[in-house]
């Protein structure tokens, strides 16, 4: 698929079929994430793939309940991927300190976008989630307190075709050539 077509067709999926996702497809998605650029090549991430039904039920039951229940649809996704953010290397952290930017978050954003675009290429649906009980997720996955899960991605074959396009600003609204803001 041509890249812009891939980007245009990718939508967040909230209804999944029960069809299992082959680990080969998951690995290709993770390979796309692995190849993502990062500040000073620090690659501040790792991915925990949850495709065991019992563990997934425990994770979704505790992590997406209460105030997080708006994302309870993930219980039907065959796969969840917890994205663990690691510390960037020293040079990236130093540059981030002076710029006031946490480059590791930008880096995992790029890696996760690579992952979900590869999933689209595999005909898999995904939904990128930031609203969940991180403390519960870390406890269930056996992560120490000093680790950070910033994103969980649900993955599976969509139960239905993607919905209509969401409104996007036009190119003219976001593009500036050689722009100098006055004032």
N, C-alpha and C. Protein backbone atom coordinates (compact mmCIF):
# COMPACT_ATOMS: atom_id res chain seq x y z
N UNK A 1 0.86 -1.18 0.00
CA UNK A 1 0.00 0.00 0.00
C UNK A 1 0.91 1.24 0.00
N UNK A 2 0.56 2.24 -0.77
CA UNK A 2 1.30 3.50 -0.79
C UNK A 2 1.18 4.17 0.58
N UNK A 3 2.23 4.85 1.00
CA UNK A 3 2.28 5.38 2.36
C UNK A 3 1.10 6.30 2.70
N UNK A 4 0.81 7.28 1.86
CA UNK A 4 -0.30 8.19 2.18
C UNK A 4 -1.64 7.46 2.24
N UNK A 5 -1.80 6.44 1.43
CA UNK A 5 -3.03 5.64 1.49
C UNK A 5 -3.09 4.87 2.81
N UNK A 6 -1.96 4.34 3.23
CA UNK A 6 -1.88 3.65 4.51
C UNK A 6 -2.27 4.59 5.66
N UNK A 7 -1.74 5.79 5.64
CA UNK A 7 -2.04 6.79 6.67
C UNK A 7 -3.52 7.18 6.62
N UNK A 8 -4.06 7.33 5.43
CA UNK A 8 -5.48 7.71 5.30
C UNK A 8 -6.43 6.61 5.79
N UNK A 9 -6.05 5.35 5.59
CA UNK A 9 -6.96 4.27 5.95
C UNK A 9 -6.87 3.87 7.42
N UNK A 10 -5.78 4.21 8.09
CA UNK A 10 -5.62 3.82 9.49
C UNK A 10 -6.61 4.59 10.38
N UNK A 11 -7.39 3.87 11.14
CA UNK A 11 -8.36 4.44 12.07
C UNK A 11 -8.25 3.70 13.40
N UNK A 12 -8.68 4.32 14.46
CA UNK A 12 -8.74 3.64 15.75
C UNK A 12 -9.86 2.61 15.72
N UNK A 13 -9.55 1.39 16.15
CA UNK A 13 -10.51 0.30 16.17
C UNK A 13 -10.99 0.08 17.59
N UNK A 14 -12.30 0.00 17.76
CA UNK A 14 -12.86 -0.23 19.09
C UNK A 14 -13.76 -1.47 19.14
N UNK A 15 -13.91 -2.15 18.00
CA UNK A 15 -14.68 -3.40 17.96
C UNK A 15 -13.84 -4.43 17.23
N UNK A 16 -13.50 -5.50 17.96
CA UNK A 16 -12.60 -6.51 17.43
C UNK A 16 -13.31 -7.84 17.27
N UNK A 17 -12.88 -8.61 16.27
CA UNK A 17 -13.35 -9.99 16.14
C UNK A 17 -12.52 -10.85 17.10
N UNK A 18 -12.97 -12.05 17.36
CA UNK A 18 -12.26 -12.95 18.27
C UNK A 18 -11.11 -13.66 17.56
N UNK A 19 -10.95 -13.45 16.28
CA UNK A 19 -9.91 -14.12 15.50
C UNK A 19 -8.53 -13.83 16.10
N UNK A 20 -7.75 -14.87 16.40
CA UNK A 20 -6.42 -14.66 16.98
C UNK A 20 -5.48 -13.95 16.00
N UNK A 21 -4.57 -13.19 16.56
CA UNK A 21 -3.57 -12.48 15.76
C UNK A 21 -2.29 -13.33 15.74
N UNK A 22 -1.82 -13.71 14.56
CA UNK A 22 -0.59 -14.51 14.49
C UNK A 22 0.60 -13.75 15.08
N UNK A 23 1.43 -14.46 15.80
CA UNK A 23 2.60 -13.81 16.40
C UNK A 23 3.54 -13.25 15.34
N UNK A 24 3.57 -13.84 14.16
CA UNK A 24 4.39 -13.28 13.08
C UNK A 24 3.96 -11.87 12.72
N UNK A 25 2.65 -11.62 12.69
CA UNK A 25 2.14 -10.28 12.40
C UNK A 25 2.50 -9.31 13.53
N UNK A 26 2.37 -9.78 14.77
CA UNK A 26 2.75 -8.95 15.92
C UNK A 26 4.23 -8.61 15.83
N UNK A 27 5.06 -9.60 15.52
CA UNK A 27 6.50 -9.36 15.42
C UNK A 27 6.84 -8.36 14.32
N UNK A 28 6.12 -8.40 13.20
CA UNK A 28 6.39 -7.42 12.14
C UNK A 28 6.04 -6.01 12.62
N UNK A 29 4.98 -5.89 13.40
CA UNK A 29 4.62 -4.58 13.97
C UNK A 29 5.69 -4.10 14.94
N UNK A 30 6.18 -5.01 15.77
CA UNK A 30 7.24 -4.65 16.71
C UNK A 30 8.55 -4.33 16.00
N UNK A 31 8.81 -5.02 14.90
CA UNK A 31 9.99 -4.71 14.10
C UNK A 31 9.90 -3.30 13.53
N UNK A 32 8.72 -2.91 13.07
CA UNK A 32 8.54 -1.54 12.57
C UNK A 32 8.82 -0.54 13.70
N UNK A 33 8.34 -0.83 14.91
CA UNK A 33 8.60 0.05 16.06
C UNK A 33 10.09 0.08 16.39
N UNK A 34 10.72 -1.08 16.35
CA UNK A 34 12.15 -1.18 16.66
C UNK A 34 13.00 -0.31 15.74
N UNK A 35 12.57 -0.18 14.49
CA UNK A 35 13.33 0.58 13.50
C UNK A 35 13.10 2.08 13.57
N UNK A 36 12.22 2.52 14.45
CA UNK A 36 11.90 3.95 14.55
C UNK A 36 13.10 4.75 15.01
N UNK A 37 13.24 5.97 14.50
CA UNK A 37 14.32 6.83 14.98
C UNK A 37 14.03 7.31 16.41
N UNK A 38 15.08 7.68 17.11
CA UNK A 38 14.93 8.22 18.46
C UNK A 38 16.07 9.20 18.72
N UNK A 39 15.85 10.09 19.66
CA UNK A 39 16.86 11.10 19.99
C UNK A 39 18.17 10.40 20.39
N UNK A 40 19.23 10.74 19.71
CA UNK A 40 20.57 10.17 19.96
C UNK A 40 20.55 8.64 19.93
N UNK A 41 19.64 8.08 19.15
CA UNK A 41 19.48 6.64 19.00
C UNK A 41 19.32 5.92 20.35
N UNK A 42 18.66 6.58 21.30
CA UNK A 42 18.55 6.01 22.64
C UNK A 42 17.54 4.87 22.73
N UNK A 43 16.57 4.80 21.80
CA UNK A 43 15.59 3.72 21.75
C UNK A 43 15.01 3.43 23.15
N UNK A 44 14.36 4.43 23.77
CA UNK A 44 13.94 4.31 25.18
C UNK A 44 12.60 3.59 25.34
N UNK A 45 12.53 2.35 24.91
CA UNK A 45 11.26 1.64 24.94
C UNK A 45 11.47 0.13 25.02
N UNK A 46 10.47 -0.53 25.53
CA UNK A 46 10.27 -1.95 25.24
C UNK A 46 8.79 -2.22 25.30
N UNK A 47 8.40 -3.36 24.75
CA UNK A 47 7.00 -3.66 24.53
C UNK A 47 6.64 -4.98 25.19
N UNK A 48 5.59 -4.98 25.98
CA UNK A 48 5.09 -6.21 26.59
C UNK A 48 3.82 -6.60 25.85
N UNK A 49 3.88 -7.72 25.16
CA UNK A 49 2.74 -8.22 24.38
C UNK A 49 1.93 -9.16 25.26
N UNK A 50 0.65 -8.86 25.40
CA UNK A 50 -0.24 -9.71 26.19
C UNK A 50 -1.26 -10.32 25.23
N UNK A 51 -1.08 -11.63 24.97
CA UNK A 51 -2.05 -12.34 24.14
C UNK A 51 -2.58 -13.59 24.85
N UNK A 52 -2.16 -13.81 26.08
CA UNK A 52 -2.70 -14.89 26.90
C UNK A 52 -4.05 -14.43 27.46
N UNK A 53 -5.10 -15.19 27.19
CA UNK A 53 -6.46 -14.76 27.54
C UNK A 53 -6.63 -14.50 29.03
N UNK A 54 -6.10 -15.36 29.86
CA UNK A 54 -6.25 -15.20 31.31
C UNK A 54 -5.56 -13.92 31.79
N UNK A 55 -4.34 -13.70 31.35
CA UNK A 55 -3.61 -12.49 31.74
C UNK A 55 -4.29 -11.24 31.16
N UNK A 56 -4.75 -11.34 29.92
CA UNK A 56 -5.43 -10.20 29.29
C UNK A 56 -6.71 -9.86 30.04
N UNK A 57 -7.47 -10.87 30.46
CA UNK A 57 -8.70 -10.62 31.23
C UNK A 57 -8.40 -9.93 32.55
N UNK A 58 -7.34 -10.38 33.22
CA UNK A 58 -6.96 -9.74 34.48
C UNK A 58 -6.52 -8.29 34.24
N UNK A 59 -5.71 -8.10 33.20
CA UNK A 59 -5.21 -6.77 32.88
C UNK A 59 -6.34 -5.81 32.52
N UNK A 60 -7.24 -6.24 31.65
CA UNK A 60 -8.33 -5.35 31.23
C UNK A 60 -9.32 -5.12 32.37
N UNK A 61 -9.55 -6.14 33.18
CA UNK A 61 -10.49 -6.01 34.27
C UNK A 61 -10.07 -5.00 35.32
N UNK A 62 -8.77 -4.92 35.57
CA UNK A 62 -8.27 -4.01 36.61
C UNK A 62 -7.81 -2.66 36.05
N UNK A 63 -7.29 -2.68 34.84
CA UNK A 63 -6.67 -1.48 34.27
C UNK A 63 -7.68 -0.55 33.59
N UNK A 64 -8.79 -1.11 33.15
CA UNK A 64 -9.78 -0.32 32.40
C UNK A 64 -11.14 -0.36 33.11
N UNK A 65 -11.14 -0.20 34.41
CA UNK A 65 -12.39 -0.16 35.18
C UNK A 65 -12.48 1.17 35.93
N UNK A 66 -13.61 1.40 36.56
CA UNK A 66 -13.80 2.64 37.31
C UNK A 66 -13.73 3.85 36.40
N UNK A 67 -12.91 4.81 36.77
CA UNK A 67 -12.81 6.04 35.96
C UNK A 67 -12.18 5.79 34.59
N UNK A 68 -11.61 4.62 34.40
CA UNK A 68 -10.98 4.27 33.12
C UNK A 68 -11.89 3.42 32.23
N UNK A 69 -13.13 3.23 32.64
CA UNK A 69 -14.01 2.28 31.94
C UNK A 69 -14.43 2.74 30.55
N UNK A 70 -14.20 4.00 30.20
CA UNK A 70 -14.52 4.43 28.83
C UNK A 70 -13.73 3.64 27.80
N UNK A 71 -12.63 3.04 28.24
CA UNK A 71 -11.81 2.23 27.34
C UNK A 71 -11.97 0.73 27.57
N UNK A 72 -13.07 0.34 28.21
CA UNK A 72 -13.31 -1.07 28.52
C UNK A 72 -13.48 -1.93 27.27
N UNK A 73 -13.67 -1.32 26.11
CA UNK A 73 -13.79 -2.07 24.86
C UNK A 73 -12.56 -2.93 24.60
N UNK A 74 -11.43 -2.61 25.22
CA UNK A 74 -10.20 -3.36 24.96
C UNK A 74 -10.30 -4.82 25.42
N UNK A 75 -11.27 -5.12 26.27
CA UNK A 75 -11.42 -6.51 26.73
C UNK A 75 -11.67 -7.46 25.56
N UNK A 76 -12.21 -6.94 24.45
CA UNK A 76 -12.49 -7.78 23.29
C UNK A 76 -11.33 -7.85 22.30
N UNK A 77 -10.28 -7.06 22.51
CA UNK A 77 -9.12 -7.10 21.62
C UNK A 77 -8.29 -8.34 21.94
N UNK A 78 -7.89 -9.11 20.93
CA UNK A 78 -7.10 -10.31 21.18
C UNK A 78 -5.70 -10.03 21.74
N UNK A 79 -5.18 -8.82 21.49
CA UNK A 79 -3.81 -8.50 21.90
C UNK A 79 -3.78 -7.11 22.53
N UNK A 80 -3.01 -6.99 23.59
CA UNK A 80 -2.68 -5.69 24.17
C UNK A 80 -1.17 -5.57 24.19
N UNK A 81 -0.69 -4.38 23.89
CA UNK A 81 0.76 -4.12 23.92
C UNK A 81 0.99 -2.96 24.86
N UNK A 82 1.67 -3.24 25.98
CA UNK A 82 2.04 -2.19 26.93
C UNK A 82 3.39 -1.64 26.50
N UNK A 83 3.45 -0.32 26.35
CA UNK A 83 4.68 0.34 25.91
C UNK A 83 5.36 0.91 27.15
N UNK A 84 6.51 0.34 27.47
CA UNK A 84 7.26 0.76 28.65
C UNK A 84 8.33 1.75 28.22
N UNK A 85 8.27 2.94 28.81
CA UNK A 85 9.22 3.99 28.48
C UNK A 85 10.44 3.87 29.38
N UNK A 86 11.60 3.78 28.76
CA UNK A 86 12.87 3.71 29.49
C UNK A 86 13.50 5.10 29.49
N UNK A 87 14.53 5.26 30.26
CA UNK A 87 15.27 6.53 30.25
C UNK A 87 16.03 6.66 28.95
N UNK A 88 16.02 7.85 28.40
CA UNK A 88 16.84 8.12 27.22
C UNK A 88 18.30 8.11 27.65
N UNK A 89 19.20 8.02 26.68
CA UNK A 89 20.61 8.07 27.05
C UNK A 89 20.98 9.48 27.52
N UNK A 90 22.17 9.58 28.07
CA UNK A 90 22.59 10.82 28.74
C UNK A 90 22.51 12.04 27.83
N UNK A 91 23.00 11.93 26.61
CA UNK A 91 23.01 13.07 25.70
C UNK A 91 21.59 13.53 25.38
N UNK A 92 20.67 12.59 25.13
CA UNK A 92 19.28 12.95 24.85
C UNK A 92 18.63 13.60 26.07
N UNK A 93 18.91 13.09 27.27
CA UNK A 93 18.35 13.69 28.48
C UNK A 93 18.91 15.09 28.70
N UNK A 94 20.21 15.27 28.46
CA UNK A 94 20.84 16.58 28.63
C UNK A 94 20.24 17.58 27.64
N UNK A 95 20.14 17.19 26.38
CA UNK A 95 19.52 18.07 25.38
C UNK A 95 18.08 18.39 25.74
N UNK A 96 17.36 17.38 26.21
CA UNK A 96 15.97 17.59 26.63
C UNK A 96 15.86 18.54 27.80
N UNK A 97 16.80 18.46 28.72
CA UNK A 97 16.80 19.37 29.88
C UNK A 97 16.92 20.82 29.41
N UNK A 98 17.87 21.08 28.51
CA UNK A 98 18.07 22.44 28.03
C UNK A 98 16.94 22.94 27.15
N UNK A 99 16.32 22.05 26.41
CA UNK A 99 15.20 22.43 25.53
C UNK A 99 13.85 22.39 26.25
N UNK A 100 13.79 21.77 27.42
CA UNK A 100 12.52 21.62 28.12
C UNK A 100 11.61 20.60 27.45
N UNK A 101 12.22 19.54 26.90
CA UNK A 101 11.49 18.52 26.15
C UNK A 101 11.85 17.15 26.70
N UNK A 102 10.86 16.31 26.90
CA UNK A 102 11.13 14.92 27.29
C UNK A 102 11.16 14.11 26.01
N UNK A 103 12.35 13.96 25.43
CA UNK A 103 12.49 13.31 24.13
C UNK A 103 12.01 11.87 24.13
N UNK A 104 12.08 11.19 25.29
CA UNK A 104 11.63 9.79 25.31
C UNK A 104 10.16 9.68 24.93
N UNK A 105 9.34 10.66 25.29
CA UNK A 105 7.92 10.61 24.91
C UNK A 105 7.74 10.82 23.41
N UNK A 106 8.54 11.70 22.84
CA UNK A 106 8.50 11.87 21.38
C UNK A 106 8.94 10.57 20.71
N UNK A 107 9.99 9.98 21.24
CA UNK A 107 10.53 8.75 20.67
C UNK A 107 9.51 7.62 20.70
N UNK A 108 8.83 7.42 21.84
CA UNK A 108 7.85 6.32 21.87
C UNK A 108 6.66 6.65 20.98
N UNK A 109 6.34 7.94 20.81
CA UNK A 109 5.28 8.32 19.88
C UNK A 109 5.61 7.90 18.45
N UNK A 110 6.86 8.12 18.06
CA UNK A 110 7.29 7.72 16.71
C UNK A 110 7.25 6.19 16.58
N UNK A 111 7.79 5.51 17.58
CA UNK A 111 7.83 4.04 17.54
C UNK A 111 6.42 3.46 17.48
N UNK A 112 5.52 4.01 18.28
CA UNK A 112 4.14 3.49 18.29
C UNK A 112 3.41 3.80 16.99
N UNK A 113 3.70 4.92 16.39
CA UNK A 113 3.09 5.22 15.10
C UNK A 113 3.58 4.23 14.04
N UNK A 114 4.87 3.92 14.06
CA UNK A 114 5.38 2.88 13.16
C UNK A 114 4.63 1.57 13.40
N UNK A 115 4.43 1.21 14.67
CA UNK A 115 3.76 -0.04 15.02
C UNK A 115 2.34 -0.07 14.47
N UNK A 116 1.56 0.99 14.70
CA UNK A 116 0.16 0.96 14.27
C UNK A 116 0.03 1.05 12.75
N UNK A 117 0.97 1.71 12.08
CA UNK A 117 0.92 1.74 10.62
C UNK A 117 1.26 0.37 10.03
N UNK A 118 2.21 -0.33 10.64
CA UNK A 118 2.48 -1.70 10.18
C UNK A 118 1.28 -2.59 10.44
N UNK A 119 0.61 -2.37 11.58
CA UNK A 119 -0.61 -3.15 11.87
C UNK A 119 -1.65 -2.91 10.78
N UNK A 120 -1.80 -1.69 10.36
CA UNK A 120 -2.75 -1.37 9.28
C UNK A 120 -2.36 -2.12 8.00
N UNK A 121 -1.09 -2.17 7.71
CA UNK A 121 -0.59 -2.91 6.55
C UNK A 121 -0.94 -4.40 6.67
N UNK A 122 -0.96 -4.90 7.90
CA UNK A 122 -1.29 -6.31 8.17
C UNK A 122 -2.80 -6.55 8.23
N UNK A 123 -3.60 -5.50 7.98
CA UNK A 123 -5.07 -5.56 8.07
C UNK A 123 -5.54 -5.74 9.51
N UNK A 124 -4.74 -5.28 10.46
CA UNK A 124 -5.08 -5.32 11.87
C UNK A 124 -5.55 -3.94 12.32
N UNK A 125 -6.51 -3.92 13.21
CA UNK A 125 -6.95 -2.68 13.81
C UNK A 125 -6.20 -2.45 15.12
N UNK A 126 -6.02 -1.19 15.45
CA UNK A 126 -5.37 -0.83 16.71
C UNK A 126 -6.08 0.37 17.32
N UNK A 127 -5.88 0.54 18.59
CA UNK A 127 -6.29 1.76 19.26
C UNK A 127 -5.23 2.11 20.29
N UNK A 128 -4.80 3.33 20.24
CA UNK A 128 -3.72 3.85 21.05
C UNK A 128 -4.37 4.44 22.30
N UNK A 129 -4.00 3.93 23.48
CA UNK A 129 -4.66 4.32 24.73
C UNK A 129 -3.68 4.92 25.73
N UNK A 130 -4.06 6.06 26.27
CA UNK A 130 -3.27 6.68 27.32
C UNK A 130 -4.03 6.79 28.62
N UNK A 131 -5.33 6.47 28.59
CA UNK A 131 -6.20 6.59 29.76
C UNK A 131 -6.44 5.20 30.34
N UNK A 132 -5.67 4.84 31.38
CA UNK A 132 -5.76 3.54 32.03
C UNK A 132 -5.10 3.64 33.39
N UNK A 133 -5.37 2.67 34.23
CA UNK A 133 -4.79 2.62 35.57
C UNK A 133 -3.38 2.04 35.47
N UNK A 134 -2.40 2.92 35.38
CA UNK A 134 -1.02 2.48 35.18
C UNK A 134 -0.52 1.66 36.37
N UNK A 135 -0.86 2.05 37.56
CA UNK A 135 -0.40 1.32 38.75
C UNK A 135 -0.89 -0.14 38.70
N UNK A 136 -2.16 -0.34 38.34
CA UNK A 136 -2.70 -1.70 38.22
C UNK A 136 -2.00 -2.46 37.11
N UNK A 137 -1.77 -1.81 35.98
CA UNK A 137 -1.10 -2.47 34.85
C UNK A 137 0.31 -2.92 35.25
N UNK A 138 1.05 -2.06 35.93
CA UNK A 138 2.41 -2.42 36.34
C UNK A 138 2.40 -3.58 37.34
N UNK A 139 1.45 -3.56 38.25
CA UNK A 139 1.35 -4.65 39.24
C UNK A 139 1.06 -5.98 38.53
N UNK A 140 0.09 -5.99 37.64
CA UNK A 140 -0.31 -7.22 36.95
C UNK A 140 0.81 -7.74 36.04
N UNK A 141 1.54 -6.83 35.40
CA UNK A 141 2.62 -7.24 34.49
C UNK A 141 3.95 -7.46 35.21
N UNK A 142 3.97 -7.23 36.51
CA UNK A 142 5.17 -7.49 37.29
C UNK A 142 6.28 -6.47 37.09
N UNK A 143 5.91 -5.24 36.77
CA UNK A 143 6.91 -4.19 36.56
C UNK A 143 7.22 -3.48 37.88
N UNK A 144 8.46 -3.11 38.10
CA UNK A 144 8.80 -2.35 39.30
C UNK A 144 8.21 -0.93 39.24
N UNK A 145 8.13 -0.30 40.40
CA UNK A 145 7.52 1.03 40.49
C UNK A 145 8.24 2.08 39.66
N UNK A 146 9.55 1.91 39.45
CA UNK A 146 10.29 2.93 38.72
C UNK A 146 10.11 2.85 37.20
N UNK A 147 9.39 1.85 36.71
CA UNK A 147 9.09 1.77 35.27
C UNK A 147 7.84 2.56 34.96
N UNK A 148 7.70 2.97 33.71
CA UNK A 148 6.57 3.82 33.29
C UNK A 148 5.91 3.21 32.07
N UNK A 149 4.59 2.98 32.17
CA UNK A 149 3.81 2.57 31.01
C UNK A 149 3.03 3.81 30.57
N UNK A 150 3.42 4.38 29.45
CA UNK A 150 2.74 5.58 28.96
C UNK A 150 1.61 5.26 27.99
N UNK A 151 1.70 4.12 27.33
CA UNK A 151 0.74 3.79 26.28
C UNK A 151 0.41 2.30 26.34
N UNK A 152 -0.84 1.98 26.10
CA UNK A 152 -1.24 0.60 25.82
C UNK A 152 -1.94 0.63 24.46
N UNK A 153 -1.55 -0.29 23.60
CA UNK A 153 -2.15 -0.38 22.27
C UNK A 153 -2.97 -1.66 22.21
N UNK A 154 -4.24 -1.53 21.87
CA UNK A 154 -5.06 -2.72 21.62
C UNK A 154 -4.90 -3.09 20.15
N UNK A 155 -5.00 -4.40 19.88
CA UNK A 155 -4.76 -4.87 18.51
C UNK A 155 -5.62 -6.10 18.22
N UNK A 156 -6.12 -6.14 17.01
CA UNK A 156 -6.88 -7.31 16.57
C UNK A 156 -7.49 -7.04 15.21
N UNK A 157 -8.16 -8.04 14.69
CA UNK A 157 -8.85 -7.85 13.42
C UNK A 157 -10.15 -7.10 13.69
N UNK A 158 -10.40 -6.03 12.94
CA UNK A 158 -11.63 -5.26 13.17
C UNK A 158 -12.88 -6.10 12.91
N UNK A 159 -13.87 -5.91 13.76
CA UNK A 159 -15.15 -6.61 13.59
C UNK A 159 -15.97 -6.01 12.46
N UNK A 160 -15.76 -4.73 12.22
CA UNK A 160 -16.51 -4.04 11.16
C UNK A 160 -15.57 -3.09 10.44
N UNK A 161 -15.99 -2.64 9.31
CA UNK A 161 -15.18 -1.70 8.52
C UNK A 161 -15.02 -0.40 9.29
N UNK A 162 -13.90 0.26 9.05
CA UNK A 162 -13.62 1.53 9.71
C UNK A 162 -14.70 2.54 9.40
N UNK A 163 -14.95 3.40 10.36
CA UNK A 163 -15.98 4.43 10.20
C UNK A 163 -15.56 5.52 9.25
N UNK A 164 -16.33 6.56 9.24
CA UNK A 164 -16.05 7.69 8.36
C UNK A 164 -14.83 8.45 8.86
N UNK A 165 -14.26 9.22 7.95
CA UNK A 165 -13.10 10.03 8.30
C UNK A 165 -13.48 11.08 9.33
N UNK A 166 -12.58 11.32 10.25
CA UNK A 166 -12.77 12.40 11.21
C UNK A 166 -12.31 13.70 10.54
N UNK A 167 -12.93 14.80 10.90
CA UNK A 167 -12.53 16.06 10.28
C UNK A 167 -11.06 16.38 10.53
N UNK A 168 -10.39 16.80 9.53
CA UNK A 168 -8.99 17.22 9.63
C UNK A 168 -8.86 18.62 9.07
N UNK A 169 -7.96 19.39 9.64
CA UNK A 169 -7.67 20.70 9.07
C UNK A 169 -7.13 20.51 7.67
N UNK A 170 -7.39 21.48 6.81
CA UNK A 170 -6.87 21.41 5.45
C UNK A 170 -5.37 21.68 5.45
N UNK A 171 -4.72 21.28 4.38
CA UNK A 171 -3.31 21.55 4.23
C UNK A 171 -3.04 23.05 4.31
N UNK A 172 -3.91 23.84 3.72
CA UNK A 172 -3.74 25.29 3.74
C UNK A 172 -3.77 25.85 5.16
N UNK A 173 -4.53 25.21 6.04
CA UNK A 173 -4.63 25.68 7.42
C UNK A 173 -3.38 25.37 8.25
N UNK A 174 -2.63 24.35 7.86
CA UNK A 174 -1.48 23.97 8.68
C UNK A 174 -0.13 24.28 8.05
N UNK A 175 -0.10 24.67 6.79
CA UNK A 175 1.16 24.86 6.07
C UNK A 175 1.60 26.32 6.11
N UNK A 176 2.88 26.52 6.35
CA UNK A 176 3.50 27.84 6.27
C UNK A 176 4.83 27.68 5.54
N UNK A 177 5.01 28.40 4.44
CA UNK A 177 6.31 28.45 3.77
C UNK A 177 6.98 29.76 4.14
N UNK A 178 8.22 29.68 4.57
CA UNK A 178 9.02 30.88 4.82
C UNK A 178 8.29 31.91 5.65
N UNK A 179 7.71 31.48 6.71
CA UNK A 179 6.80 32.29 7.51
C UNK A 179 7.53 33.01 8.62
N UNK A 180 7.24 34.29 8.78
CA UNK A 180 7.73 35.07 9.91
C UNK A 180 6.52 35.70 10.58
N UNK A 181 6.26 35.29 11.78
CA UNK A 181 5.11 35.81 12.50
C UNK A 181 5.38 37.24 12.92
N UNK A 182 4.48 38.10 12.59
CA UNK A 182 4.63 39.53 12.96
C UNK A 182 3.96 39.76 14.31
N UNK A 183 4.47 40.71 15.04
CA UNK A 183 3.81 41.09 16.28
C UNK A 183 4.60 40.83 17.43
